[in-house]
Every structure is written in structure tokens, then in C-alpha cells.
Amino acid sequence: IEAIRVLSSIGSKRDIPDLLKLAGDPIQEVAYEAVEAVKKIGYDPALIRKEFEEGDAEIKRSAVTAAGVLRDEKLAVIAREGLQSEDWQLRKESAIALAKIKDKGSGGALVTAVKKESQDDVVAAMAYALGAIHYTGGITPLADILMTKPRHPYKKEIVRSIARIGGSGVVKALKPLLRDMDPWVRFEAVEGLSTGEAK
């Protein structure tokens, strides 16, 4: 962390690729400091996009992670592209980045991706992103996932995301879940129906 801080003080734009690698570090404090250093050096969205396009899988994930932490709408395009990757970790990081950026224009891409997704934790991340951007077009696909996979391991998280989306479709999606076997799913359904978001 100290090395990252020093680099942010004396570094140049050519150090950004190395800092982007650290932006994907599993230790959150290291990842945070790396992104802060990129900000301080003065990042260029075009450079991060270039790293995403030309980099290996690790660099792509790091670039998408940095896009989310930077919350730069100009970088939402790389996260949308990441949703289509064969790398499930990149798809997951892309969904999380779009949730952080709160890019409302990514709703369609997220719905398309969640319909095709087979990894349960990636589905949960995409559901979270749909909830974060309040994309009403995401309610039906998420409800369909719960219907076709009633024992989804992230069921309560998906229910919470449906509630966060809000709008008129929430009642139809959540009402059947009031009788779910899982008390936590029932709790999330009740919470979702009782908030002002479920209109």
C-alpha cells in the first residue's frame, strides 16, 4: 500500500497499466489505493479502454474493476462488453462495475446477459446491478429465473434486487414468494412489498 501511495505521488501515466492490475487485487484496501493512485496520476478513459481491449484476462478484469471504482460513465462501455465474455469472473466484475457506475443505459445488456447466464453467483451480481440502476425491464427475467430455479442459492438476493428495481411489476413478481419455504426469502418479499418502491 505504501508503494502504491509513493507511485501515486511520483508516477506517470505509463504506470497506469501496473496500477490497473492492482485494482483487481482481492485485498480491498490495495485495490482502493491503486484506483486512487490512478485518479491522482490523471487517468484517461481511453487508456483504460485500451488496456481492456488489448490486455489478458487479468488486465480486463482489473480494468472493469477500476471502471466501477472510478464510477466513470465513459467506462460503462467496457463493462457492457465484459458481460459477453467467456470468462465468468469478468462477467461478474462487469455487472458489479455497472452497479457502481449506475449506468441506466446498460439495462438491456444486463437483461440479455442474465437470460443466458449459467453461473449462480454471476446471476446474483447481474440482478444486483439491475436493482442498482432500477431497470424495470429486469423484473420479468429475474422472476423467471426464480420460477425455473426455485432453489436458486442466491434467491433472497434476487428478491431484494427485484424490490430495489421498483415499479408496478414488483407486486406481481414478489407476491408468490410470500409463501416460499425459506423464511429469509419471505422476509425479503415482505420488505420489498412494504417499501414505497413497490408501487
N, C-alpha and C. Protein backbone atom coordinates (compact mmCIF):
# COMPACT_ATOMS: atom_id res chain seq x y z
N ILE A 1 0.84 -1.20 0.00
CA ILE A 1 0.00 0.00 0.00
C ILE A 1 0.87 1.25 0.00
N GLU A 2 1.94 1.23 0.79
CA GLU A 2 2.84 2.39 0.82
C GLU A 2 3.48 2.60 -0.55
N ALA A 3 3.84 1.51 -1.20
CA ALA A 3 4.45 1.62 -2.54
C ALA A 3 3.48 2.26 -3.53
N ILE A 4 2.19 1.90 -3.41
CA ILE A 4 1.18 2.48 -4.30
C ILE A 4 1.07 3.97 -4.03
N ARG A 5 1.09 4.35 -2.76
CA ARG A 5 0.98 5.77 -2.41
C ARG A 5 2.17 6.56 -2.95
N VAL A 6 3.36 5.99 -2.86
CA VAL A 6 4.55 6.66 -3.39
C VAL A 6 4.42 6.80 -4.91
N LEU A 7 3.98 5.71 -5.55
CA LEU A 7 3.81 5.73 -7.01
C LEU A 7 2.80 6.79 -7.42
N SER A 8 1.75 6.98 -6.62
CA SER A 8 0.75 8.00 -6.97
C SER A 8 1.33 9.39 -6.88
N SER A 9 2.37 9.58 -6.04
CA SER A 9 3.00 10.89 -5.90
C SER A 9 4.00 11.18 -7.00
N ILE A 10 4.74 10.13 -7.41
CA ILE A 10 5.81 10.37 -8.38
C ILE A 10 5.57 9.67 -9.72
N GLY A 11 4.51 8.89 -9.81
CA GLY A 11 4.25 8.09 -11.00
C GLY A 11 3.80 8.91 -12.19
N SER A 12 3.76 8.22 -13.32
CA SER A 12 3.30 8.86 -14.56
C SER A 12 2.24 7.97 -15.19
N LYS A 13 1.69 8.43 -16.29
CA LYS A 13 0.62 7.68 -16.96
C LYS A 13 1.08 6.31 -17.44
N ARG A 14 2.37 6.14 -17.66
CA ARG A 14 2.83 4.81 -18.10
C ARG A 14 2.76 3.79 -16.96
N ASP A 15 2.56 4.25 -15.71
CA ASP A 15 2.41 3.33 -14.57
C ASP A 15 0.97 2.84 -14.42
N ILE A 16 0.04 3.42 -15.16
CA ILE A 16 -1.37 3.07 -15.02
C ILE A 16 -1.64 1.60 -15.29
N PRO A 17 -1.05 0.96 -16.32
CA PRO A 17 -1.32 -0.47 -16.51
C PRO A 17 -0.97 -1.33 -15.29
N ASP A 18 0.15 -1.00 -14.63
CA ASP A 18 0.53 -1.75 -13.43
C ASP A 18 -0.45 -1.48 -12.29
N LEU A 19 -0.90 -0.24 -12.19
CA LEU A 19 -1.87 0.09 -11.14
C LEU A 19 -3.21 -0.58 -11.42
N LEU A 20 -3.57 -0.70 -12.69
CA LEU A 20 -4.83 -1.38 -13.03
C LEU A 20 -4.79 -2.85 -12.60
N LYS A 21 -3.63 -3.48 -12.72
CA LYS A 21 -3.51 -4.86 -12.25
C LYS A 21 -3.84 -4.93 -10.76
N LEU A 22 -3.36 -3.95 -10.01
CA LEU A 22 -3.60 -3.92 -8.57
C LEU A 22 -5.05 -3.55 -8.24
N ALA A 23 -5.73 -2.89 -9.17
CA ALA A 23 -7.14 -2.52 -8.93
C ALA A 23 -8.02 -3.75 -8.80
N GLY A 24 -7.56 -4.87 -9.32
CA GLY A 24 -8.31 -6.12 -9.20
C GLY A 24 -7.85 -6.98 -8.03
N ASP A 25 -7.01 -6.44 -7.17
CA ASP A 25 -6.49 -7.20 -6.03
C ASP A 25 -7.61 -7.62 -5.09
N PRO A 26 -7.57 -8.87 -4.59
CA PRO A 26 -8.63 -9.31 -3.68
C PRO A 26 -8.64 -8.57 -2.33
N ILE A 27 -7.51 -7.97 -1.99
CA ILE A 27 -7.47 -7.17 -0.75
C ILE A 27 -8.02 -5.80 -1.09
N GLN A 28 -9.18 -5.48 -0.55
CA GLN A 28 -9.90 -4.26 -0.94
C GLN A 28 -9.08 -2.99 -0.74
N GLU A 29 -8.30 -2.94 0.33
CA GLU A 29 -7.53 -1.74 0.59
C GLU A 29 -6.47 -1.51 -0.49
N VAL A 30 -5.86 -2.59 -0.97
CA VAL A 30 -4.89 -2.48 -2.05
C VAL A 30 -5.58 -2.01 -3.33
N ALA A 31 -6.72 -2.63 -3.65
CA ALA A 31 -7.47 -2.24 -4.85
C ALA A 31 -7.88 -0.77 -4.77
N TYR A 32 -8.38 -0.34 -3.61
CA TYR A 32 -8.81 1.05 -3.43
C TYR A 32 -7.64 2.01 -3.64
N GLU A 33 -6.50 1.72 -3.01
CA GLU A 33 -5.33 2.60 -3.14
C GLU A 33 -4.84 2.67 -4.59
N ALA A 34 -4.92 1.53 -5.29
CA ALA A 34 -4.49 1.51 -6.69
C ALA A 34 -5.37 2.42 -7.54
N VAL A 35 -6.68 2.35 -7.32
CA VAL A 35 -7.59 3.20 -8.09
C VAL A 35 -7.41 4.67 -7.71
N GLU A 36 -7.20 4.94 -6.43
CA GLU A 36 -6.93 6.32 -6.00
C GLU A 36 -5.67 6.85 -6.67
N ALA A 37 -4.66 5.99 -6.79
CA ALA A 37 -3.41 6.40 -7.45
C ALA A 37 -3.67 6.71 -8.93
N VAL A 38 -4.49 5.88 -9.59
CA VAL A 38 -4.83 6.13 -10.99
C VAL A 38 -5.52 7.48 -11.12
N LYS A 39 -6.44 7.78 -10.20
CA LYS A 39 -7.13 9.08 -10.23
C LYS A 39 -6.13 10.23 -10.06
N LYS A 40 -5.21 10.06 -9.09
CA LYS A 40 -4.28 11.14 -8.78
C LYS A 40 -3.31 11.39 -9.94
N ILE A 41 -2.87 10.33 -10.58
CA ILE A 41 -1.96 10.48 -11.72
C ILE A 41 -2.69 11.16 -12.87
N GLY A 42 -3.98 10.92 -12.95
CA GLY A 42 -4.77 11.55 -14.01
C GLY A 42 -5.03 10.56 -15.12
N TYR A 43 -5.98 9.70 -14.88
CA TYR A 43 -6.26 8.65 -15.84
C TYR A 43 -7.01 9.21 -17.05
N ASP A 44 -6.89 8.49 -18.11
CA ASP A 44 -7.60 8.80 -19.35
C ASP A 44 -8.51 7.61 -19.64
N PRO A 45 -9.83 7.81 -19.74
CA PRO A 45 -10.72 6.68 -20.03
C PRO A 45 -10.29 5.89 -21.27
N ALA A 46 -9.72 6.57 -22.25
CA ALA A 46 -9.27 5.88 -23.47
C ALA A 46 -8.14 4.90 -23.16
N LEU A 47 -7.27 5.25 -22.22
CA LEU A 47 -6.17 4.37 -21.85
C LEU A 47 -6.70 3.12 -21.15
N ILE A 48 -7.68 3.30 -20.26
CA ILE A 48 -8.26 2.15 -19.57
C ILE A 48 -8.99 1.26 -20.58
N ARG A 49 -9.67 1.87 -21.51
CA ARG A 49 -10.35 1.09 -22.56
C ARG A 49 -9.33 0.30 -23.39
N LYS A 50 -8.21 0.95 -23.73
CA LYS A 50 -7.16 0.28 -24.49
C LYS A 50 -6.61 -0.92 -23.72
N GLU A 51 -6.39 -0.74 -22.43
CA GLU A 51 -5.90 -1.84 -21.59
C GLU A 51 -6.91 -2.99 -21.59
N PHE A 52 -8.20 -2.64 -21.53
CA PHE A 52 -9.25 -3.66 -21.56
C PHE A 52 -9.23 -4.42 -22.88
N GLU A 53 -9.10 -3.71 -23.98
CA GLU A 53 -9.15 -4.33 -25.30
C GLU A 53 -7.93 -5.18 -25.61
N GLU A 54 -6.77 -4.74 -25.14
CA GLU A 54 -5.53 -5.42 -25.51
C GLU A 54 -4.98 -6.34 -24.42
N GLY A 55 -5.47 -6.20 -23.21
CA GLY A 55 -4.91 -6.94 -22.09
C GLY A 55 -5.37 -8.38 -22.00
N ASP A 56 -4.68 -9.14 -21.16
CA ASP A 56 -5.08 -10.52 -20.91
C ASP A 56 -6.30 -10.51 -19.97
N ALA A 57 -6.73 -11.70 -19.57
CA ALA A 57 -7.94 -11.82 -18.74
C ALA A 57 -7.82 -11.05 -17.43
N GLU A 58 -6.65 -11.11 -16.81
CA GLU A 58 -6.44 -10.40 -15.54
C GLU A 58 -6.55 -8.89 -15.72
N ILE A 59 -5.94 -8.39 -16.79
CA ILE A 59 -6.00 -6.94 -17.07
C ILE A 59 -7.43 -6.52 -17.38
N LYS A 60 -8.15 -7.31 -18.15
CA LYS A 60 -9.55 -6.99 -18.47
C LYS A 60 -10.37 -6.88 -17.18
N ARG A 61 -10.21 -7.86 -16.28
CA ARG A 61 -10.96 -7.81 -15.01
C ARG A 61 -10.57 -6.59 -14.19
N SER A 62 -9.27 -6.28 -14.16
CA SER A 62 -8.81 -5.11 -13.42
C SER A 62 -9.32 -3.80 -14.01
N ALA A 63 -9.35 -3.72 -15.34
CA ALA A 63 -9.85 -2.51 -15.99
C ALA A 63 -11.33 -2.30 -15.67
N VAL A 64 -12.10 -3.39 -15.68
CA VAL A 64 -13.52 -3.29 -15.36
C VAL A 64 -13.71 -2.92 -13.89
N THR A 65 -12.91 -3.51 -13.02
CA THR A 65 -12.98 -3.17 -11.59
C THR A 65 -12.67 -1.68 -11.39
N ALA A 66 -11.64 -1.21 -12.07
CA ALA A 66 -11.29 0.21 -11.98
C ALA A 66 -12.42 1.09 -12.49
N ALA A 67 -13.06 0.67 -13.57
CA ALA A 67 -14.20 1.44 -14.11
C ALA A 67 -15.29 1.59 -13.06
N GLY A 68 -15.56 0.52 -12.34
CA GLY A 68 -16.58 0.58 -11.29
C GLY A 68 -16.18 1.48 -10.14
N VAL A 69 -14.94 1.34 -9.71
CA VAL A 69 -14.48 2.16 -8.58
C VAL A 69 -14.41 3.63 -8.97
N LEU A 70 -14.00 3.89 -10.21
CA LEU A 70 -13.93 5.28 -10.69
C LEU A 70 -15.32 5.87 -10.94
N ARG A 71 -16.30 4.99 -11.13
CA ARG A 71 -17.69 5.40 -11.40
C ARG A 71 -17.78 6.37 -12.58
N ASP A 72 -17.02 6.05 -13.61
CA ASP A 72 -16.96 6.91 -14.78
C ASP A 72 -17.89 6.33 -15.85
N GLU A 73 -18.94 7.08 -16.21
CA GLU A 73 -19.90 6.59 -17.20
C GLU A 73 -19.26 6.35 -18.57
N LYS A 74 -18.15 7.03 -18.85
CA LYS A 74 -17.47 6.80 -20.12
C LYS A 74 -16.88 5.39 -20.19
N LEU A 75 -16.69 4.77 -19.03
CA LEU A 75 -16.10 3.43 -18.98
C LEU A 75 -17.17 2.33 -18.90
N ALA A 76 -18.43 2.71 -18.87
CA ALA A 76 -19.50 1.70 -18.81
C ALA A 76 -19.47 0.79 -20.03
N VAL A 77 -18.99 1.30 -21.13
CA VAL A 77 -18.95 0.51 -22.36
C VAL A 77 -18.07 -0.73 -22.20
N ILE A 78 -16.96 -0.63 -21.46
CA ILE A 78 -16.12 -1.82 -21.30
C ILE A 78 -16.80 -2.84 -20.38
N ALA A 79 -17.57 -2.35 -19.41
CA ALA A 79 -18.30 -3.27 -18.55
C ALA A 79 -19.41 -3.97 -19.32
N ARG A 80 -20.08 -3.25 -20.21
CA ARG A 80 -21.11 -3.89 -21.05
C ARG A 80 -20.49 -4.96 -21.95
N GLU A 81 -19.31 -4.66 -22.49
CA GLU A 81 -18.61 -5.65 -23.30
C GLU A 81 -18.20 -6.86 -22.46
N GLY A 82 -17.81 -6.59 -21.23
CA GLY A 82 -17.39 -7.66 -20.33
C GLY A 82 -18.50 -8.63 -20.00
N LEU A 83 -19.75 -8.18 -20.07
CA LEU A 83 -20.90 -9.06 -19.80
C LEU A 83 -20.97 -10.20 -20.81
N GLN A 84 -20.37 -10.01 -21.99
CA GLN A 84 -20.44 -11.00 -23.06
C GLN A 84 -19.23 -11.95 -23.08
N SER A 85 -18.32 -11.77 -22.14
CA SER A 85 -17.10 -12.55 -22.13
C SER A 85 -17.35 -14.02 -21.79
N GLU A 86 -16.44 -14.88 -22.21
CA GLU A 86 -16.49 -16.28 -21.81
C GLU A 86 -15.97 -16.46 -20.38
N ASP A 87 -15.23 -15.48 -19.88
CA ASP A 87 -14.66 -15.51 -18.53
C ASP A 87 -15.74 -15.11 -17.52
N TRP A 88 -16.18 -16.08 -16.71
CA TRP A 88 -17.27 -15.81 -15.77
C TRP A 88 -16.88 -14.75 -14.75
N GLN A 89 -15.61 -14.68 -14.37
CA GLN A 89 -15.18 -13.67 -13.40
C GLN A 89 -15.29 -12.27 -14.00
N LEU A 90 -14.98 -12.15 -15.28
CA LEU A 90 -15.11 -10.86 -15.95
C LEU A 90 -16.58 -10.46 -16.06
N ARG A 91 -17.45 -11.44 -16.35
CA ARG A 91 -18.89 -11.13 -16.41
C ARG A 91 -19.38 -10.63 -15.05
N LYS A 92 -18.93 -11.27 -13.99
CA LYS A 92 -19.34 -10.87 -12.64
C LYS A 92 -18.81 -9.47 -12.30
N GLU A 93 -17.52 -9.24 -12.55
CA GLU A 93 -16.93 -7.92 -12.28
C GLU A 93 -17.59 -6.83 -13.11
N SER A 94 -17.98 -7.17 -14.33
CA SER A 94 -18.65 -6.21 -15.21
C SER A 94 -20.00 -5.80 -14.64
N ALA A 95 -20.75 -6.78 -14.15
CA ALA A 95 -22.05 -6.47 -13.54
C ALA A 95 -21.88 -5.59 -12.32
N ILE A 96 -20.90 -5.90 -11.49
CA ILE A 96 -20.65 -5.10 -10.28
C ILE A 96 -20.24 -3.68 -10.66
N ALA A 97 -19.40 -3.56 -11.70
CA ALA A 97 -18.98 -2.24 -12.15
C ALA A 97 -20.17 -1.41 -12.63
N LEU A 98 -21.07 -2.04 -13.39
CA LEU A 98 -22.25 -1.31 -13.88
C LEU A 98 -23.15 -0.88 -12.72
N ALA A 99 -23.20 -1.69 -11.67
CA ALA A 99 -23.98 -1.30 -10.49
C ALA A 99 -23.37 -0.08 -9.82
N LYS A 100 -22.05 -0.04 -9.74
CA LYS A 100 -21.36 1.10 -9.11
C LYS A 100 -21.48 2.36 -9.97
N ILE A 101 -21.34 2.18 -11.28
CA ILE A 101 -21.44 3.33 -12.19
C ILE A 101 -22.88 3.84 -12.24
N LYS A 102 -23.83 2.92 -12.01
CA LYS A 102 -25.26 3.22 -12.09
C LYS A 102 -25.62 3.71 -13.50
N ASP A 103 -25.11 2.98 -14.48
CA ASP A 103 -25.34 3.33 -15.88
C ASP A 103 -26.69 2.79 -16.33
N LYS A 104 -27.68 3.66 -16.37
CA LYS A 104 -29.04 3.26 -16.72
C LYS A 104 -29.14 2.74 -18.16
N GLY A 105 -28.23 3.14 -19.01
CA GLY A 105 -28.23 2.68 -20.38
C GLY A 105 -27.78 1.23 -20.54
N SER A 106 -27.38 0.60 -19.45
CA SER A 106 -26.89 -0.78 -19.51
C SER A 106 -27.96 -1.81 -19.17
N GLY A 107 -29.17 -1.38 -18.92
CA GLY A 107 -30.24 -2.30 -18.54
C GLY A 107 -30.48 -3.39 -19.56
N GLY A 108 -30.57 -3.03 -20.82
CA GLY A 108 -30.81 -4.02 -21.87
C GLY A 108 -29.70 -5.05 -21.95
N ALA A 109 -28.45 -4.59 -21.85
CA ALA A 109 -27.31 -5.50 -21.90
C ALA A 109 -27.31 -6.45 -20.71
N LEU A 110 -27.69 -5.94 -19.54
CA LEU A 110 -27.76 -6.79 -18.35
C LEU A 110 -28.85 -7.84 -18.47
N VAL A 111 -30.01 -7.44 -19.00
CA VAL A 111 -31.12 -8.40 -19.17
C VAL A 111 -30.72 -9.50 -20.15
N THR A 112 -30.12 -9.11 -21.27
CA THR A 112 -29.67 -10.10 -22.25
C THR A 112 -28.67 -11.07 -21.62
N ALA A 113 -27.75 -10.53 -20.83
CA ALA A 113 -26.72 -11.36 -20.19
C ALA A 113 -27.31 -12.28 -19.13
N VAL A 114 -28.22 -11.76 -18.31
CA VAL A 114 -28.78 -12.58 -17.21
C VAL A 114 -29.63 -13.72 -17.76
N LYS A 115 -30.25 -13.53 -18.90
CA LYS A 115 -31.05 -14.60 -19.50
C LYS A 115 -30.19 -15.77 -19.95
N LYS A 116 -28.94 -15.49 -20.32
CA LYS A 116 -28.04 -16.54 -20.82
C LYS A 116 -27.13 -17.11 -19.73
N GLU A 117 -27.06 -16.44 -18.58
CA GLU A 117 -26.06 -16.78 -17.57
C GLU A 117 -26.36 -18.11 -16.88
N SER A 118 -25.30 -18.92 -16.69
CA SER A 118 -25.45 -20.22 -16.03
C SER A 118 -24.82 -20.24 -14.63
N GLN A 119 -23.92 -19.31 -14.35
CA GLN A 119 -23.25 -19.27 -13.04
C GLN A 119 -24.16 -18.53 -12.04
N ASP A 120 -24.50 -19.20 -10.96
CA ASP A 120 -25.42 -18.62 -9.98
C ASP A 120 -24.93 -17.31 -9.37
N ASP A 121 -23.65 -17.24 -9.02
CA ASP A 121 -23.16 -16.01 -8.40
C ASP A 121 -23.08 -14.86 -9.40
N VAL A 122 -22.90 -15.18 -10.67
CA VAL A 122 -22.90 -14.14 -11.70
C VAL A 122 -24.33 -13.63 -11.91
N VAL A 123 -25.30 -14.53 -11.87
CA VAL A 123 -26.72 -14.13 -11.95
C VAL A 123 -27.03 -13.16 -10.81
N ALA A 124 -26.55 -13.49 -9.61
CA ALA A 124 -26.80 -12.62 -8.45
C ALA A 124 -26.18 -11.24 -8.65
N ALA A 125 -24.97 -11.18 -9.21
CA ALA A 125 -24.32 -9.89 -9.47
C ALA A 125 -25.09 -9.09 -10.51
N MET A 126 -25.57 -9.77 -11.54
CA MET A 126 -26.35 -9.09 -12.57
C MET A 126 -27.68 -8.59 -12.01
N ALA A 127 -28.29 -9.39 -11.15
CA ALA A 127 -29.54 -8.98 -10.50
C ALA A 127 -29.28 -7.74 -9.64
N TYR A 128 -28.18 -7.75 -8.92
CA TYR A 128 -27.81 -6.61 -8.09
C TYR A 128 -27.67 -5.35 -8.95
N ALA A 129 -27.01 -5.49 -10.11
CA ALA A 129 -26.83 -4.34 -11.00
C ALA A 129 -28.17 -3.83 -11.52
N LEU A 130 -29.06 -4.75 -11.89
CA LEU A 130 -30.40 -4.33 -12.36
C LEU A 130 -31.14 -3.57 -11.26
N GLY A 131 -30.99 -4.02 -10.02
CA GLY A 131 -31.61 -3.31 -8.90
C GLY A 131 -30.98 -1.95 -8.68
N ALA A 132 -29.66 -1.88 -8.82
CA ALA A 132 -28.95 -0.62 -8.58
C ALA A 132 -29.33 0.46 -9.58
N ILE A 133 -29.62 0.04 -10.82
CA ILE A 133 -29.99 1.05 -11.84
C ILE A 133 -31.50 1.19 -11.98
N HIS A 134 -32.25 0.42 -11.18
CA HIS A 134 -33.73 0.48 -11.17
C HIS A 134 -34.30 0.24 -12.57
N TYR A 135 -33.80 -0.80 -13.23
CA TYR A 135 -34.23 -1.10 -14.60
C TYR A 135 -35.47 -1.99 -14.55
N THR A 136 -36.64 -1.40 -14.82
CA THR A 136 -37.90 -2.14 -14.69
C THR A 136 -38.00 -3.31 -15.66
N GLY A 137 -37.27 -3.25 -16.77
CA GLY A 137 -37.25 -4.36 -17.70
C GLY A 137 -36.55 -5.60 -17.14
N GLY A 138 -35.94 -5.47 -15.98
CA GLY A 138 -35.25 -6.60 -15.36
C GLY A 138 -36.13 -7.44 -14.45
N ILE A 139 -37.33 -6.95 -14.11
CA ILE A 139 -38.19 -7.69 -13.18
C ILE A 139 -38.61 -9.04 -13.75
N THR A 140 -39.13 -9.06 -14.95
CA THR A 140 -39.63 -10.32 -15.53
C THR A 140 -38.52 -11.37 -15.69
N PRO A 141 -37.35 -11.03 -16.25
CA PRO A 141 -36.31 -12.06 -16.36
C PRO A 141 -35.86 -12.60 -14.99
N LEU A 142 -35.79 -11.72 -14.00
CA LEU A 142 -35.38 -12.19 -12.66
C LEU A 142 -36.46 -13.07 -12.05
N ALA A 143 -37.72 -12.68 -12.21
CA ALA A 143 -38.82 -13.51 -11.71
C ALA A 143 -38.84 -14.86 -12.43
N ASP A 144 -38.55 -14.86 -13.73
CA ASP A 144 -38.48 -16.12 -14.49
C ASP A 144 -37.38 -17.04 -13.95
N ILE A 145 -36.25 -16.46 -13.59
CA ILE A 145 -35.16 -17.27 -13.02
C ILE A 145 -35.63 -17.94 -11.73
N LEU A 146 -36.36 -17.20 -10.91
CA LEU A 146 -36.84 -17.78 -9.64
C LEU A 146 -37.90 -18.85 -9.88
N MET A 147 -38.67 -18.71 -10.96
CA MET A 147 -39.68 -19.72 -11.29
C MET A 147 -39.03 -21.00 -11.81
N THR A 148 -38.02 -20.85 -12.67
CA THR A 148 -37.39 -22.02 -13.27
C THR A 148 -36.37 -22.67 -12.34
N LYS A 149 -35.86 -21.91 -11.39
CA LYS A 149 -34.89 -22.45 -10.44
C LYS A 149 -35.30 -22.06 -9.02
N PRO A 150 -36.35 -22.70 -8.49
CA PRO A 150 -36.89 -22.29 -7.19
C PRO A 150 -35.91 -22.45 -6.02
N ARG A 151 -34.87 -23.24 -6.20
CA ARG A 151 -33.88 -23.41 -5.13
C ARG A 151 -32.57 -22.66 -5.45
N HIS A 152 -32.69 -21.58 -6.16
CA HIS A 152 -31.51 -20.78 -6.51
C HIS A 152 -30.77 -20.40 -5.24
N PRO A 153 -29.44 -20.63 -5.17
CA PRO A 153 -28.70 -20.33 -3.94
C PRO A 153 -28.67 -18.85 -3.56
N TYR A 154 -28.96 -17.98 -4.51
CA TYR A 154 -28.98 -16.54 -4.24
C TYR A 154 -30.40 -15.98 -4.36
N LYS A 155 -31.35 -16.79 -4.00
CA LYS A 155 -32.76 -16.42 -4.18
C LYS A 155 -33.12 -15.14 -3.43
N LYS A 156 -32.72 -15.05 -2.17
CA LYS A 156 -33.11 -13.85 -1.40
C LYS A 156 -32.45 -12.59 -1.96
N GLU A 157 -31.22 -12.73 -2.49
CA GLU A 157 -30.56 -11.57 -3.10
C GLU A 157 -31.29 -11.13 -4.37
N ILE A 158 -31.77 -12.11 -5.13
CA ILE A 158 -32.53 -11.78 -6.34
C ILE A 158 -33.84 -11.10 -5.98
N VAL A 159 -34.50 -11.61 -4.93
CA VAL A 159 -35.74 -11.00 -4.46
C VAL A 159 -35.48 -9.55 -4.02
N ARG A 160 -34.38 -9.35 -3.30
CA ARG A 160 -34.03 -7.99 -2.86
C ARG A 160 -33.79 -7.08 -4.07
N SER A 161 -33.16 -7.61 -5.10
CA SER A 161 -32.90 -6.81 -6.31
C SER A 161 -34.20 -6.44 -7.02
N ILE A 162 -35.13 -7.40 -7.10
CA ILE A 162 -36.44 -7.11 -7.71
C ILE A 162 -37.11 -5.96 -6.95
N ALA A 163 -37.05 -6.02 -5.63
CA ALA A 163 -37.65 -4.96 -4.81
C ALA A 163 -36.97 -3.62 -5.06
N ARG A 164 -35.67 -3.62 -5.22
CA ARG A 164 -34.93 -2.38 -5.45
C ARG A 164 -35.29 -1.75 -6.80
N ILE A 165 -35.60 -2.60 -7.78
CA ILE A 165 -35.96 -2.07 -9.09
C ILE A 165 -37.18 -1.17 -8.98
N GLY A 166 -38.16 -1.62 -8.22
CA GLY A 166 -39.37 -0.82 -8.05
C GLY A 166 -40.28 -0.88 -9.26
N GLY A 167 -41.39 -0.19 -9.16
CA GLY A 167 -42.34 -0.15 -10.27
C GLY A 167 -43.50 -1.11 -10.08
N SER A 168 -44.38 -1.09 -11.05
CA SER A 168 -45.63 -1.85 -10.94
C SER A 168 -45.43 -3.36 -11.03
N GLY A 169 -44.38 -3.83 -11.66
CA GLY A 169 -44.15 -5.26 -11.80
C GLY A 169 -43.67 -5.95 -10.54
N VAL A 170 -43.26 -5.18 -9.55
CA VAL A 170 -42.71 -5.77 -8.32
C VAL A 170 -43.75 -6.60 -7.58
N VAL A 171 -44.97 -6.09 -7.48
CA VAL A 171 -46.02 -6.81 -6.73
C VAL A 171 -46.27 -8.17 -7.36
N LYS A 172 -46.42 -8.21 -8.66
CA LYS A 172 -46.66 -9.48 -9.35
C LYS A 172 -45.50 -10.45 -9.15
N ALA A 173 -44.28 -9.95 -9.15
CA ALA A 173 -43.10 -10.80 -9.01
C ALA A 173 -42.90 -11.30 -7.58
N LEU A 174 -43.21 -10.46 -6.60
CA LEU A 174 -42.90 -10.82 -5.21
C LEU A 174 -44.03 -11.50 -4.45
N LYS A 175 -45.26 -11.25 -4.84
CA LYS A 175 -46.40 -11.80 -4.11
C LYS A 175 -46.35 -13.33 -3.97
N PRO A 176 -46.03 -14.08 -5.03
CA PRO A 176 -45.95 -15.54 -4.87
C PRO A 176 -44.87 -15.99 -3.88
N LEU A 177 -43.88 -15.15 -3.66
CA LEU A 177 -42.78 -15.51 -2.77
C LEU A 177 -43.12 -15.35 -1.29
N LEU A 178 -44.30 -14.81 -1.00
CA LEU A 178 -44.74 -14.68 0.39
C LEU A 178 -45.01 -16.06 1.01
N ARG A 179 -45.15 -17.08 0.16
CA ARG A 179 -45.40 -18.45 0.64
C ARG A 179 -44.16 -19.34 0.46
N ASP A 180 -43.02 -18.75 0.19
CA ASP A 180 -41.80 -19.53 -0.04
C ASP A 180 -41.40 -20.31 1.22
N MET A 181 -40.73 -21.42 1.01
CA MET A 181 -40.28 -22.27 2.13
C MET A 181 -39.21 -21.58 2.98
N ASP A 182 -38.40 -20.76 2.35
CA ASP A 182 -37.29 -20.10 3.03
C ASP A 182 -37.79 -18.84 3.75
N PRO A 183 -37.63 -18.78 5.08
CA PRO A 183 -38.12 -17.60 5.81
C PRO A 183 -37.41 -16.31 5.39
N TRP A 184 -36.15 -16.41 4.97
CA TRP A 184 -35.43 -15.20 4.55
C TRP A 184 -35.97 -14.68 3.22
N VAL A 185 -36.36 -15.58 2.34
CA VAL A 185 -36.96 -15.16 1.07
C VAL A 185 -38.31 -14.49 1.36
N ARG A 186 -39.10 -15.09 2.26
CA ARG A 186 -40.39 -14.48 2.63
C ARG A 186 -40.15 -13.09 3.22
N PHE A 187 -39.15 -12.98 4.09
CA PHE A 187 -38.84 -11.69 4.71
C PHE A 187 -38.50 -10.64 3.65
N GLU A 188 -37.64 -11.02 2.69
CA GLU A 188 -37.26 -10.07 1.63
C GLU A 188 -38.46 -9.69 0.77
N ALA A 189 -39.35 -10.65 0.52
CA ALA A 189 -40.55 -10.36 -0.26
C ALA A 189 -41.45 -9.38 0.48
N VAL A 190 -41.64 -9.60 1.78
CA VAL A 190 -42.46 -8.70 2.59
C VAL A 190 -41.83 -7.30 2.61
N GLU A 191 -40.51 -7.26 2.83
CA GLU A 191 -39.82 -5.97 2.84
C GLU A 191 -39.97 -5.25 1.50
N GLY A 192 -39.82 -6.01 0.42
CA GLY A 192 -39.93 -5.42 -0.92
C GLY A 192 -41.32 -4.89 -1.19
N LEU A 193 -42.33 -5.62 -0.73
CA LEU A 193 -43.71 -5.17 -0.95
C LEU A 193 -44.09 -4.01 -0.04
N SER A 194 -43.45 -3.90 1.11
CA SER A 194 -43.82 -2.85 2.05
C SER A 194 -43.12 -1.52 1.79
N THR A 195 -42.07 -1.54 0.97
CA THR A 195 -41.39 -0.27 0.69
C THR A 195 -42.19 0.53 -0.33
N GLY A 196 -41.88 1.77 -0.41
CA GLY A 196 -42.55 2.63 -1.37
C GLY A 196 -42.17 2.32 -2.80
N GLU A 197 -41.09 1.50 -2.98
CA GLU A 197 -40.63 1.19 -4.33
C GLU A 197 -41.60 0.27 -5.06
N ALA A 198 -42.34 -0.55 -4.31
CA ALA A 198 -43.28 -1.49 -4.94
C ALA A 198 -44.62 -0.79 -5.13
N LYS A 199 -44.77 -0.15 -6.24
CA LYS A 199 -45.99 0.64 -6.50
C LYS A 199 -46.90 -0.09 -7.44
